[in-house]
Amino acid sequence: MSAKTSKAKIKYTDEPIEAKVVQDFLPPPGELAFREEGVKVTIALSKRSVEFFKSEASKHHTQYQRMIRRLIDAYVDTYDKQV
């Protein structure tokens, strides 16, 4: 029986949780819509991710590939400074 179809109740415990706050550095989808020079690569992405970016790109009248590229650039901008 999979976890999704299980009728068993979840038993919670009162154990301490170790949590770390991580600064949100990713831009919202609307900020991923501007153009920059690129290099072509081949990459396999999950269907879910591609569908999300296609939907967001449609809302912002841009290309989904451009938004993905901008997201990766934002990641590099954040972590390239820490090296």
PDB file of N, CA and C in Angstrom:
ATOM      1  N   MET A   1       0.845  -1.170   0.000  1.00  0.00           N
ATOM      2  CA  MET A   1       0.000   0.000   0.000  1.00  0.00           C
ATOM      3  C   MET A   1       0.895   1.239   0.000  1.00  0.00           C
ATOM      4  N   SER A   2       0.655   2.167  -0.913  1.00  0.00           N
ATOM      5  CA  SER A   2       1.495   3.362  -0.989  1.00  0.00           C
ATOM      6  C   SER A   2       1.115   4.347   0.111  1.00  0.00           C
ATOM      7  N   ALA A   3       2.019   5.290   0.345  1.00  0.00           N
ATOM      8  CA  ALA A   3       1.798   6.294   1.385  1.00  0.00           C
ATOM      9  C   ALA A   3       0.589   7.174   1.062  1.00  0.00           C
ATOM     10  N   LYS A   4       0.297   7.377  -0.214  1.00  0.00           N
ATOM     11  CA  LYS A   4      -0.811   8.233  -0.610  1.00  0.00           C
ATOM     12  C   LYS A   4      -2.168   7.585  -0.304  1.00  0.00           C
ATOM     13  N   THR A   5      -2.231   6.265  -0.340  1.00  0.00           N
ATOM     14  CA  THR A   5      -3.509   5.598  -0.126  1.00  0.00           C
ATOM     15  C   THR A   5      -3.646   5.020   1.272  1.00  0.00           C
ATOM     16  N   SER A   6      -2.646   5.192   2.100  1.00  0.00           N
ATOM     17  CA  SER A   6      -2.664   4.648   3.454  1.00  0.00           C
ATOM     18  C   SER A   6      -3.694   5.374   4.317  1.00  0.00           C
ATOM     19  N   LYS A   7      -4.468   4.609   5.082  1.00  0.00           N
ATOM     20  CA  LYS A   7      -5.472   5.179   5.984  1.00  0.00           C
ATOM     21  C   LYS A   7      -4.932   5.298   7.411  1.00  0.00           C
ATOM     22  N   ALA A   8      -3.688   4.873   7.642  1.00  0.00           N
ATOM     23  CA  ALA A   8      -3.098   4.912   8.985  1.00  0.00           C
ATOM     24  C   ALA A   8      -2.931   6.356   9.440  1.00  0.00           C
ATOM     25  N   LYS A   9      -3.198   6.604  10.716  1.00  0.00           N
ATOM     26  CA  LYS A   9      -3.028   7.941  11.272  1.00  0.00           C
ATOM     27  C   LYS A   9      -1.548   8.221  11.505  1.00  0.00           C
ATOM     28  N   ILE A  10      -1.185   9.463  11.327  1.00  0.00           N
ATOM     29  CA  ILE A  10       0.193   9.885  11.565  1.00  0.00           C
ATOM     30  C   ILE A  10       0.350  10.139  13.055  1.00  0.00           C
ATOM     31  N   LYS A  11       1.410   9.590  13.627  1.00  0.00           N
ATOM     32  CA  LYS A  11       1.685   9.804  15.048  1.00  0.00           C
ATOM     33  C   LYS A  11       2.835  10.797  15.158  1.00  0.00           C
ATOM     34  N   TYR A  12       2.546  11.954  15.741  1.00  0.00           N
ATOM     35  CA  TYR A  12       3.555  12.988  15.903  1.00  0.00           C
ATOM     36  C   TYR A  12       4.216  12.853  17.271  1.00  0.00           C
ATOM     37  N   THR A  13       5.487  13.187  17.318  1.00  0.00           N
ATOM     38  CA  THR A  13       6.216  13.154  18.584  1.00  0.00           C
ATOM     39  C   THR A  13       6.646  14.565  18.946  1.00  0.00           C
ATOM     40  N   ASP A  14       7.009  14.762  20.184  1.00  0.00           N
ATOM     41  CA  ASP A  14       7.421  16.077  20.658  1.00  0.00           C
ATOM     42  C   ASP A  14       8.943  16.136  20.711  1.00  0.00           C
ATOM     43  N   GLU A  15       9.569  15.906  19.563  1.00  0.00           N
ATOM     44  CA  GLU A  15      11.024  15.898  19.488  1.00  0.00           C
ATOM     45  C   GLU A  15      11.507  17.262  19.028  1.00  0.00           C
ATOM     46  N   PRO A  16      12.710  17.653  19.445  1.00  0.00           N
ATOM     47  CA  PRO A  16      13.240  18.954  19.005  1.00  0.00           C
ATOM     48  C   PRO A  16      13.507  18.938  17.493  1.00  0.00           C
ATOM     49  N   ILE A  17      13.290  20.081  16.897  1.00  0.00           N
ATOM     50  CA  ILE A  17      13.522  20.221  15.462  1.00  0.00           C
ATOM     51  C   ILE A  17      14.714  21.142  15.268  1.00  0.00           C
ATOM     52  N   GLU A  18      15.669  20.694  14.488  1.00  0.00           N
ATOM     53  CA  GLU A  18      16.810  21.536  14.157  1.00  0.00           C
ATOM     54  C   GLU A  18      16.502  22.209  12.829  1.00  0.00           C
ATOM     55  N   ALA A  19      16.277  23.504  12.852  1.00  0.00           N
ATOM     56  CA  ALA A  19      15.916  24.240  11.647  1.00  0.00           C
ATOM     57  C   ALA A  19      16.939  25.339  11.385  1.00  0.00           C
ATOM     58  N   LYS A  20      17.136  25.615  10.120  1.00  0.00           N
ATOM     59  CA  LYS A  20      18.060  26.669   9.714  1.00  0.00           C
ATOM     60  C   LYS A  20      17.326  27.564   8.718  1.00  0.00           C
ATOM     61  N   VAL A  21      17.327  28.853   8.950  1.00  0.00           N
ATOM     62  CA  VAL A  21      16.689  29.788   8.043  1.00  0.00           C
ATOM     63  C   VAL A  21      17.636  30.035   6.871  1.00  0.00           C
ATOM     64  N   VAL A  22      17.114  29.853   5.673  1.00  0.00           N
ATOM     65  CA  VAL A  22      17.894  30.067   4.464  1.00  0.00           C
ATOM     66  C   VAL A  22      17.318  31.286   3.761  1.00  0.00           C
ATOM     67  N   GLN A  23      18.175  32.238   3.433  1.00  0.00           N
ATOM     68  CA  GLN A  23      17.732  33.457   2.756  1.00  0.00           C
ATOM     69  C   GLN A  23      17.156  33.103   1.390  1.00  0.00           C
ATOM     70  N   ASP A  24      15.992  33.664   1.082  1.00  0.00           N
ATOM     71  CA  ASP A  24      15.366  33.448  -0.219  1.00  0.00           C
ATOM     72  C   ASP A  24      16.082  34.322  -1.235  1.00  0.00           C
ATOM     73  N   PHE A  25      16.852  33.704  -2.125  1.00  0.00           N
ATOM     74  CA  PHE A  25      17.628  34.456  -3.093  1.00  0.00           C
ATOM     75  C   PHE A  25      17.090  34.336  -4.505  1.00  0.00           C
ATOM     76  N   LEU A  26      16.071  33.506  -4.705  1.00  0.00           N
ATOM     77  CA  LEU A  26      15.549  33.300  -6.051  1.00  0.00           C
ATOM     78  C   LEU A  26      14.567  34.412  -6.415  1.00  0.00           C
ATOM     79  N   PRO A  27      14.696  34.943  -7.622  1.00  0.00           N
ATOM     80  CA  PRO A  27      13.768  35.997  -8.047  1.00  0.00           C
ATOM     81  C   PRO A  27      12.402  35.418  -8.403  1.00  0.00           C
ATOM     82  N   PRO A  28      11.339  36.226  -8.327  1.00  0.00           N
ATOM     83  CA  PRO A  28      10.030  35.751  -8.758  1.00  0.00           C
ATOM     84  C   PRO A  28      10.024  35.550 -10.277  1.00  0.00           C
ATOM     85  N   PRO A  29       9.102  34.746 -10.800  1.00  0.00           N
ATOM     86  CA  PRO A  29       9.088  34.451 -12.242  1.00  0.00           C
ATOM     87  C   PRO A  29       9.088  35.685 -13.137  1.00  0.00           C
ATOM     88  N   GLY A  30       8.434  36.759 -12.735  1.00  0.00           N
ATOM     89  CA  GLY A  30       8.392  37.962 -13.557  1.00  0.00           C
ATOM     90  C   GLY A  30       9.752  38.590 -13.806  1.00  0.00           C
ATOM     91  N   GLU A  31      10.684  38.398 -12.878  1.00  0.00           N
ATOM     92  CA  GLU A  31      12.024  38.957 -13.040  1.00  0.00           C
ATOM     93  C   GLU A  31      12.936  38.071 -13.880  1.00  0.00           C
ATOM     94  N   LEU A  32      12.445  36.922 -14.303  1.00  0.00           N
ATOM     95  CA  LEU A  32      13.251  36.007 -15.099  1.00  0.00           C
ATOM     96  C   LEU A  32      13.044  36.221 -16.599  1.00  0.00           C
ATOM     97  N   ALA A  33      12.343  37.280 -16.983  1.00  0.00           N
ATOM     98  CA  ALA A  33      11.899  37.440 -18.354  1.00  0.00           C
ATOM     99  C   ALA A  33      12.812  38.281 -19.253  1.00  0.00           C
ATOM    100  N   PHE A  34      13.927  38.825 -18.771  1.00  0.00           N
ATOM    101  CA  PHE A  34      14.742  39.634 -19.668  1.00  0.00           C
ATOM    102  C   PHE A  34      15.818  38.811 -20.382  1.00  0.00           C
ATOM    103  N   ARG A  35      16.358  39.357 -21.480  1.00  0.00           N
ATOM    104  CA  ARG A  35      17.241  38.617 -22.378  1.00  0.00           C
ATOM    105  C   ARG A  35      18.722  38.899 -22.116  1.00  0.00           C
ATOM    106  N   GLU A  36      19.544  37.855 -22.283  1.00  0.00           N
ATOM    107  CA  GLU A  36      20.989  37.972 -22.130  1.00  0.00           C
ATOM    108  C   GLU A  36      21.650  36.966 -23.084  1.00  0.00           C
ATOM    109  N   GLU A  37      22.889  37.238 -23.513  1.00  0.00           N
ATOM    110  CA  GLU A  37      23.594  36.330 -24.417  1.00  0.00           C
ATOM    111  C   GLU A  37      23.787  34.972 -23.750  1.00  0.00           C
ATOM    112  N   GLY A  38      23.682  33.894 -24.541  1.00  0.00           N
ATOM    113  CA  GLY A  38      23.806  32.565 -23.957  1.00  0.00           C
ATOM    114  C   GLY A  38      24.636  31.613 -24.798  1.00  0.00           C
ATOM    115  N   VAL A  39      24.883  30.451 -24.236  1.00  0.00           N
ATOM    116  CA  VAL A  39      25.579  29.357 -24.907  1.00  0.00           C
ATOM    117  C   VAL A  39      24.617  28.183 -24.921  1.00  0.00           C
ATOM    118  N   LYS A  40      24.455  27.540 -26.070  1.00  0.00           N
ATOM    119  CA  LYS A  40      23.515  26.426 -26.160  1.00  0.00           C
ATOM    120  C   LYS A  40      24.058  25.189 -25.464  1.00  0.00           C
ATOM    121  N   VAL A  41      23.181  24.541 -24.698  1.00  0.00           N
ATOM    122  CA  VAL A  41      23.494  23.280 -24.033  1.00  0.00           C
ATOM    123  C   VAL A  41      22.288  22.360 -24.181  1.00  0.00           C
ATOM    124  N   THR A  42      22.513  21.073 -23.968  1.00  0.00           N
ATOM    125  CA  THR A  42      21.430  20.107 -23.961  1.00  0.00           C
ATOM    126  C   THR A  42      21.228  19.650 -22.528  1.00  0.00           C
ATOM    127  N   ILE A  43      19.983  19.694 -22.057  1.00  0.00           N
ATOM    128  CA  ILE A  43      19.679  19.318 -20.685  1.00  0.00           C
ATOM    129  C   ILE A  43      18.298  18.664 -20.647  1.00  0.00           C
ATOM    130  N   ALA A  44      18.159  17.640 -19.839  1.00  0.00           N
ATOM    131  CA  ALA A  44      16.861  16.990 -19.650  1.00  0.00           C
ATOM    132  C   ALA A  44      16.276  17.493 -18.335  1.00  0.00           C
ATOM    133  N   LEU A  45      15.078  18.053 -18.388  1.00  0.00           N
ATOM    134  CA  LEU A  45      14.394  18.583 -17.212  1.00  0.00           C
ATOM    135  C   LEU A  45      13.144  17.756 -16.934  1.00  0.00           C
ATOM    136  N   SER A  46      12.664  17.836 -15.717  1.00  0.00           N
ATOM    137  CA  SER A  46      11.435  17.118 -15.391  1.00  0.00           C
ATOM    138  C   SER A  46      10.260  17.763 -16.120  1.00  0.00           C
ATOM    139  N   LYS A  47       9.287  16.959 -16.456  1.00  0.00           N
ATOM    140  CA  LYS A  47       8.092  17.448 -17.140  1.00  0.00           C
ATOM    141  C   LYS A  47       7.402  18.510 -16.291  1.00  0.00           C
ATOM    142  N   ARG A  48       7.351  18.295 -14.986  1.00  0.00           N
ATOM    143  CA  ARG A  48       6.718  19.231 -14.055  1.00  0.00           C
ATOM    144  C   ARG A  48       7.380  20.602 -14.126  1.00  0.00           C
ATOM    145  N   SER A  49       8.706  20.629 -14.145  1.00  0.00           N
ATOM    146  CA  SER A  49       9.426  21.903 -14.200  1.00  0.00           C
ATOM    147  C   SER A  49       9.161  22.631 -15.513  1.00  0.00           C
ATOM    148  N   VAL A  50       9.210  21.907 -16.612  1.00  0.00           N
ATOM    149  CA  VAL A  50       8.989  22.533 -17.915  1.00  0.00           C
ATOM    150  C   VAL A  50       7.567  23.080 -18.009  1.00  0.00           C
ATOM    151  N   GLU A  51       6.592  22.329 -17.530  1.00  0.00           N
ATOM    152  CA  GLU A  51       5.206  22.799 -17.558  1.00  0.00           C
ATOM    153  C   GLU A  51       5.044  24.070 -16.721  1.00  0.00           C
ATOM    154  N   PHE A  52       5.698  24.110 -15.557  1.00  0.00           N
ATOM    155  CA  PHE A  52       5.633  25.305 -14.713  1.00  0.00           C
ATOM    156  C   PHE A  52       6.189  26.518 -15.453  1.00  0.00           C
ATOM    157  N   PHE A  53       7.385  26.378 -16.030  1.00  0.00           N
ATOM    158  CA  PHE A  53       8.002  27.511 -16.703  1.00  0.00           C
ATOM    159  C   PHE A  53       7.234  27.921 -17.950  1.00  0.00           C
ATOM    160  N   LYS A  54       6.658  26.974 -18.678  1.00  0.00           N
ATOM    161  CA  LYS A  54       5.846  27.326 -19.839  1.00  0.00           C
ATOM    162  C   LYS A  54       4.627  28.137 -19.411  1.00  0.00           C
ATOM    163  N   SER A  55       4.002  27.736 -18.326  1.00  0.00           N
ATOM    164  CA  SER A  55       2.832  28.449 -17.820  1.00  0.00           C
ATOM    165  C   SER A  55       3.202  29.860 -17.377  1.00  0.00           C
ATOM    166  N   GLU A  56       4.283  29.989 -16.612  1.00  0.00           N
ATOM    167  CA  GLU A  56       4.715  31.307 -16.137  1.00  0.00           C
ATOM    168  C   GLU A  56       5.169  32.188 -17.299  1.00  0.00           C
ATOM    169  N   ALA A  57       5.855  31.608 -18.267  1.00  0.00           N
ATOM    170  CA  ALA A  57       6.316  32.382 -19.422  1.00  0.00           C
ATOM    171  C   ALA A  57       5.132  32.942 -20.199  1.00  0.00           C
ATOM    172  N   SER A  58       4.092  32.155 -20.324  1.00  0.00           N
ATOM    173  CA  SER A  58       2.893  32.608 -21.016  1.00  0.00           C
ATOM    174  C   SER A  58       2.272  33.805 -20.301  1.00  0.00           C
ATOM    175  N   LYS A  59       2.239  33.766 -18.985  1.00  0.00           N
ATOM    176  CA  LYS A  59       1.676  34.871 -18.194  1.00  0.00           C
ATOM    177  C   LYS A  59       2.481  36.151 -18.371  1.00  0.00           C
ATOM    178  N   HIS A  60       3.795  36.021 -18.590  1.00  0.00           N
ATOM    179  CA  HIS A  60       4.687  37.182 -18.665  1.00  0.00           C
ATOM    180  C   HIS A  60       5.127  37.487 -20.098  1.00  0.00           C
ATOM    181  N   HIS A  61       4.500  36.814 -21.062  1.00  0.00           N
ATOM    182  CA  HIS A  61       4.755  37.057 -22.492  1.00  0.00           C
ATOM    183  C   HIS A  61       6.236  36.941 -22.845  1.00  0.00           C
ATOM    184  N   THR A  62       6.833  35.837 -22.439  1.00  0.00           N
ATOM    185  CA  THR A  62       8.242  35.591 -22.746  1.00  0.00           C
ATOM    186  C   THR A  62       8.434  34.104 -23.024  1.00  0.00           C
ATOM    187  N   GLN A  63       9.664  33.695 -23.263  1.00  0.00           N
ATOM    188  CA  GLN A  63       9.977  32.298 -23.537  1.00  0.00           C
ATOM    189  C   GLN A  63      10.366  31.593 -22.245  1.00  0.00           C
ATOM    190  N   TYR A  64       9.917  30.354 -22.117  1.00  0.00           N
ATOM    191  CA  TYR A  64      10.226  29.609 -20.891  1.00  0.00           C
ATOM    192  C   TYR A  64      11.716  29.325 -20.770  1.00  0.00           C
ATOM    193  N   GLN A  65      12.403  29.100 -21.895  1.00  0.00           N
ATOM    194  CA  GLN A  65      13.845  28.845 -21.839  1.00  0.00           C
ATOM    195  C   GLN A  65      14.587  30.052 -21.263  1.00  0.00           C
ATOM    196  N   ARG A  66      14.130  31.234 -21.613  1.00  0.00           N
ATOM    197  CA  ARG A  66      14.753  32.463 -21.117  1.00  0.00           C
ATOM    198  C   ARG A  66      14.595  32.561 -19.598  1.00  0.00           C
ATOM    199  N   MET A  67      13.426  32.176 -19.102  1.00  0.00           N
ATOM    200  CA  MET A  67      13.192  32.224 -17.656  1.00  0.00           C
ATOM    201  C   MET A  67      14.077  31.222 -16.926  1.00  0.00           C
ATOM    202  N   ILE A  68      14.216  30.026 -17.478  1.00  0.00           N
ATOM    203  CA  ILE A  68      15.085  29.009 -16.864  1.00  0.00           C
ATOM    204  C   ILE A  68      16.525  29.507 -16.848  1.00  0.00           C
ATOM    205  N   ARG A  69      16.956  30.071 -17.945  1.00  0.00           N
ATOM    206  CA  ARG A  69      18.323  30.606 -18.035  1.00  0.00           C
ATOM    207  C   ARG A  69      18.542  31.688 -16.979  1.00  0.00           C
ATOM    208  N   ARG A  70      17.561  32.576 -16.812  1.00  0.00           N
ATOM    209  CA  ARG A  70      17.680  33.660 -15.827  1.00  0.00           C
ATOM    210  C   ARG A  70      17.723  33.117 -14.400  1.00  0.00           C
ATOM    211  N   LEU A  71      16.962  32.061 -14.146  1.00  0.00           N
ATOM    212  CA  LEU A  71      16.971  31.425 -12.830  1.00  0.00           C
ATOM    213  C   LEU A  71      18.360  30.861 -12.519  1.00  0.00           C
ATOM    214  N   ILE A  72      18.954  30.193 -13.485  1.00  0.00           N
ATOM    215  CA  ILE A  72      20.298  29.637 -13.289  1.00  0.00           C
ATOM    216  C   ILE A  72      21.311  30.762 -13.081  1.00  0.00           C
ATOM    217  N   ASP A  73      21.169  31.854 -13.848  1.00  0.00           N
ATOM    218  CA  ASP A  73      22.057  33.005 -13.668  1.00  0.00           C
ATOM    219  C   ASP A  73      21.948  33.586 -12.263  1.00  0.00           C
ATOM    220  N   ALA A  74      20.724  33.666 -11.725  1.00  0.00           N
ATOM    221  CA  ALA A  74      20.530  34.188 -10.372  1.00  0.00           C
ATOM    222  C   ALA A  74      21.209  33.285  -9.350  1.00  0.00           C
ATOM    223  N   TYR A  75      21.141  32.002  -9.558  1.00  0.00           N
ATOM    224  CA  TYR A  75      21.801  31.041  -8.669  1.00  0.00           C
ATOM    225  C   TYR A  75      23.313  31.259  -8.698  1.00  0.00           C
ATOM    226  N   VAL A  76      23.856  31.393  -9.906  1.00  0.00           N
ATOM    227  CA  VAL A  76      25.298  31.626 -10.063  1.00  0.00           C
ATOM    228  C   VAL A  76      25.704  32.939  -9.427  1.00  0.00           C
ATOM    229  N   ASP A  77      24.923  33.994  -9.639  1.00  0.00           N
ATOM    230  CA  ASP A  77      25.229  35.295  -9.040  1.00  0.00           C
ATOM    231  C   ASP A  77      25.319  35.209  -7.523  1.00  0.00           C
ATOM    232  N   THR A  78      24.434  34.437  -6.935  1.00  0.00           N
ATOM    233  CA  THR A  78      24.416  34.297  -5.482  1.00  0.00           C
ATOM    234  C   THR A  78      25.607  33.491  -4.964  1.00  0.00           C
ATOM    235  N   TYR A  79      25.868  32.349  -5.571  1.00  0.00           N
ATOM    236  CA  TYR A  79      26.905  31.477  -5.032  1.00  0.00           C
ATOM    237  C   TYR A  79      28.296  31.783  -5.578  1.00  0.00           C
ATOM    238  N   ASP A  80      28.409  32.486  -6.682  1.00  0.00           N
ATOM    239  CA  ASP A  80      29.715  32.852  -7.216  1.00  0.00           C
ATOM    240  C   ASP A  80      30.398  33.863  -6.290  1.00  0.00           C
ATOM    241  N   LYS A  81      29.624  34.683  -5.600  1.00  0.00           N
ATOM    242  CA  LYS A  81      30.158  35.663  -4.659  1.00  0.00           C
ATOM    243  C   LYS A  81      30.691  35.017  -3.397  1.00  0.00           C
ATOM    244  N   GLN A  82      30.220  33.822  -3.079  1.00  0.00           N
ATOM    245  CA  GLN A  82      30.607  33.155  -1.834  1.00  0.00           C
ATOM    246  C   GLN A  82      31.885  32.338  -1.974  1.00  0.00           C
ATOM    247  N   VAL A  83      32.360  32.154  -3.184  1.00  0.00           N
ATOM    248  CA  VAL A  83      33.560  31.330  -3.408  1.00  0.00           C
ATOM    249  C   VAL A  83      34.811  32.107  -3.137  1.00  0.00           C
TER     250      VAL A  83
END
